[in-house]
Amino acid sequence: MKKILFVSVIAAFACSAFAADGATIFKKCAVCHGAKAEKKYLNKVPVLTEIDAATRLADMKAYKDGSLNGGKGKVGMGGIMKGQMAPLSEADMAAVNDYISTLK
């Protein structure tokens, strides 16, 4: 029983050690979106903190899969954003989204 508890505790710490760090990942985004996600990129893209969290996360996923490139009231930055989102996992995107929510 003690072995199971010990392994469970170690596994929990290992998982949290590899968890995505939204603040660190966002540093790359800050070049265009501002350190506090306060910039309107090219005066076209809305301020990220003004987009609700669910929409923001859906947009990140759509940029990653290439399905968001303008239309439906969206700004067509798909070519740039698809490349920016490519290396991010679902957990990374969720972590960045959660971090942006703290900047409001």
C-alpha atoms as a PDB file:
ATOM      1  CA  MET A   1       0.000   0.000   0.000  1.00  0.00           C
ATOM      2  CA  LYS A   2       2.820   2.396   0.855  1.00  0.00           C
ATOM      3  CA  LYS A   3       4.456   1.653  -2.503  1.00  0.00           C
ATOM      4  CA  ILE A   4       1.280   2.536  -4.374  1.00  0.00           C
ATOM      5  CA  LEU A   5       0.919   5.785  -2.453  1.00  0.00           C
ATOM      6  CA  PHE A   6       4.580   6.639  -3.031  1.00  0.00           C
ATOM      7  CA  VAL A   7       4.338   5.943  -6.778  1.00  0.00           C
ATOM      8  CA  SER A   8       1.145   8.016  -6.988  1.00  0.00           C
ATOM      9  CA  VAL A   9       2.793  10.990  -5.284  1.00  0.00           C
ATOM     10  CA  ILE A  10       5.876  10.755  -7.521  1.00  0.00           C
ATOM     11  CA  ALA A  11       3.689  10.516 -10.632  1.00  0.00           C
ATOM     12  CA  ALA A  12       1.699  13.576  -9.591  1.00  0.00           C
ATOM     13  CA  PHE A  13       4.857  15.634  -9.125  1.00  0.00           C
ATOM     14  CA  ALA A  14       6.298  14.393 -12.411  1.00  0.00           C
ATOM     15  CA  CYS A  15       3.165  15.386 -14.302  1.00  0.00           C
ATOM     16  CA  SER A  16       3.104  18.846 -12.768  1.00  0.00           C
ATOM     17  CA  ALA A  17       6.781  19.309 -13.612  1.00  0.00           C
ATOM     18  CA  PHE A  18       5.980  18.752 -17.285  1.00  0.00           C
ATOM     19  CA  ALA A  19       2.788  20.800 -17.263  1.00  0.00           C
ATOM     20  CA  ALA A  20       2.686  23.668 -19.702  1.00  0.00           C
ATOM     21  CA  ASP A  21       3.693  27.062 -18.337  1.00  0.00           C
ATOM     22  CA  GLY A  22       1.390  29.582 -19.975  1.00  0.00           C
ATOM     23  CA  ALA A  23       3.447  32.616 -18.914  1.00  0.00           C
ATOM     24  CA  THR A  24       6.633  31.208 -20.425  1.00  0.00           C
ATOM     25  CA  ILE A  25       4.948  30.169 -23.658  1.00  0.00           C
ATOM     26  CA  PHE A  26       3.191  33.544 -23.927  1.00  0.00           C
ATOM     27  CA  LYS A  27       6.529  35.377 -24.061  1.00  0.00           C
ATOM     28  CA  LYS A  28       6.703  34.435 -27.758  1.00  0.00           C
ATOM     29  CA  CYS A  29       3.177  35.760 -28.295  1.00  0.00           C
ATOM     30  CA  ALA A  30       3.997  39.015 -26.501  1.00  0.00           C
ATOM     31  CA  VAL A  31       6.166  40.187 -29.387  1.00  0.00           C
ATOM     32  CA  CYS A  32       3.000  40.952 -31.360  1.00  0.00           C
ATOM     33  CA  HIS A  33       0.266  40.936 -28.706  1.00  0.00           C
ATOM     34  CA  GLY A  34       2.082  42.860 -25.940  1.00  0.00           C
ATOM     35  CA  ALA A  35       3.427  41.710 -22.586  1.00  0.00           C
ATOM     36  CA  LYS A  36      -0.028  42.011 -21.025  1.00  0.00           C
ATOM     37  CA  ALA A  37      -1.889  40.903 -24.199  1.00  0.00           C
ATOM     38  CA  GLU A  38      -2.950  44.538 -24.542  1.00  0.00           C
ATOM     39  CA  LYS A  39      -1.949  45.293 -28.149  1.00  0.00           C
ATOM     40  CA  LYS A  40      -4.120  45.271 -31.247  1.00  0.00           C
ATOM     41  CA  TYR A  41      -1.727  43.595 -33.671  1.00  0.00           C
ATOM     42  CA  LEU A  42      -1.508  45.715 -36.848  1.00  0.00           C
ATOM     43  CA  ASN A  43      -4.586  47.534 -35.534  1.00  0.00           C
ATOM     44  CA  LYS A  44      -6.571  44.547 -36.823  1.00  0.00           C
ATOM     45  CA  VAL A  45      -6.454  41.769 -34.254  1.00  0.00           C
ATOM     46  CA  PRO A  46      -8.568  42.434 -31.160  1.00  0.00           C
ATOM     47  CA  VAL A  47      -6.893  42.794 -27.782  1.00  0.00           C
ATOM     48  CA  LEU A  48      -6.616  39.209 -26.517  1.00  0.00           C
ATOM     49  CA  THR A  49      -7.867  40.022 -23.028  1.00  0.00           C
ATOM     50  CA  GLU A  50     -11.092  41.356 -24.572  1.00  0.00           C
ATOM     51  CA  ILE A  51     -11.906  38.000 -26.199  1.00  0.00           C
ATOM     52  CA  ASP A  52     -13.753  35.552 -23.955  1.00  0.00           C
ATOM     53  CA  ALA A  53     -11.672  32.544 -22.905  1.00  0.00           C
ATOM     54  CA  ALA A  54     -13.730  29.916 -24.751  1.00  0.00           C
ATOM     55  CA  THR A  55     -13.554  31.835 -28.041  1.00  0.00           C
ATOM     56  CA  ARG A  56      -9.859  32.540 -27.570  1.00  0.00           C
ATOM     57  CA  LEU A  57      -9.081  28.841 -27.063  1.00  0.00           C
ATOM     58  CA  ALA A  58     -11.274  27.829 -30.013  1.00  0.00           C
ATOM     59  CA  ASP A  59      -9.462  30.389 -32.182  1.00  0.00           C
ATOM     60  CA  MET A  60      -6.055  29.021 -31.120  1.00  0.00           C
ATOM     61  CA  LYS A  61      -7.130  25.507 -32.096  1.00  0.00           C
ATOM     62  CA  ALA A  62      -8.575  26.748 -35.392  1.00  0.00           C
ATOM     63  CA  TYR A  63      -5.372  28.623 -36.210  1.00  0.00           C
ATOM     64  CA  LYS A  64      -3.389  25.467 -35.466  1.00  0.00           C
ATOM     65  CA  ASP A  65      -5.479  23.261 -37.758  1.00  0.00           C
ATOM     66  CA  GLY A  66      -5.562  25.938 -40.464  1.00  0.00           C
ATOM     67  CA  SER A  67      -9.318  26.479 -40.428  1.00  0.00           C
ATOM     68  CA  LEU A  68      -9.170  30.109 -39.240  1.00  0.00           C
ATOM     69  CA  ASN A  69      -8.014  32.559 -41.858  1.00  0.00           C
ATOM     70  CA  GLY A  70     -10.524  35.357 -41.857  1.00  0.00           C
ATOM     71  CA  GLY A  71     -14.265  35.306 -42.422  1.00  0.00           C
ATOM     72  CA  LYS A  72     -16.991  35.201 -39.770  1.00  0.00           C
ATOM     73  CA  GLY A  73     -15.775  38.530 -38.388  1.00  0.00           C
ATOM     74  CA  LYS A  74     -12.277  37.156 -37.830  1.00  0.00           C
ATOM     75  CA  VAL A  75      -9.038  38.738 -38.961  1.00  0.00           C
ATOM     76  CA  GLY A  76      -7.188  36.717 -41.599  1.00  0.00           C
ATOM     77  CA  MET A  77      -3.884  36.070 -39.842  1.00  0.00           C
ATOM     78  CA  GLY A  78      -4.046  32.311 -40.415  1.00  0.00           C
ATOM     79  CA  GLY A  79      -0.828  32.071 -42.409  1.00  0.00           C
ATOM     80  CA  ILE A  80       1.218  33.570 -39.604  1.00  0.00           C
ATOM     81  CA  MET A  81      -0.691  32.062 -36.705  1.00  0.00           C
ATOM     82  CA  LYS A  82      -0.757  28.504 -38.047  1.00  0.00           C
ATOM     83  CA  GLY A  83       3.035  28.479 -37.865  1.00  0.00           C
ATOM     84  CA  GLN A  84       3.031  30.033 -34.408  1.00  0.00           C
ATOM     85  CA  MET A  85       0.538  27.493 -33.079  1.00  0.00           C
ATOM     86  CA  ALA A  86       2.096  24.430 -34.756  1.00  0.00           C
ATOM     87  CA  PRO A  87       4.455  23.437 -31.911  1.00  0.00           C
ATOM     88  CA  LEU A  88       1.843  23.933 -29.180  1.00  0.00           C
ATOM     89  CA  SER A  89      -0.014  20.999 -27.665  1.00  0.00           C
ATOM     90  CA  GLU A  90      -3.603  21.175 -26.420  1.00  0.00           C
ATOM     91  CA  ALA A  91      -2.196  21.563 -22.897  1.00  0.00           C
ATOM     92  CA  ASP A  92       0.086  24.397 -24.045  1.00  0.00           C
ATOM     93  CA  MET A  93      -2.818  26.243 -25.659  1.00  0.00           C
ATOM     94  CA  ALA A  94      -4.958  25.792 -22.541  1.00  0.00           C
ATOM     95  CA  ALA A  95      -2.108  27.066 -20.356  1.00  0.00           C
ATOM     96  CA  VAL A  96      -1.600  30.147 -22.540  1.00  0.00           C
ATOM     97  CA  ASN A  97      -5.340  30.790 -22.562  1.00  0.00           C
ATOM     98  CA  ASP A  98      -5.507  30.502 -18.774  1.00  0.00           C
ATOM     99  CA  TYR A  99      -2.529  32.842 -18.435  1.00  0.00           C
ATOM    100  CA  ILE A 100      -4.136  35.456 -20.685  1.00  0.00           C
ATOM    101  CA  SER A 101      -7.253  35.278 -18.499  1.00  0.00           C
ATOM    102  CA  THR A 102      -5.151  36.355 -15.515  1.00  0.00           C
ATOM    103  CA  LEU A 103      -4.042  39.513 -17.322  1.00  0.00           C
ATOM    104  CA  LYS A 104      -7.480  41.155 -17.302  1.00  0.00           C
END
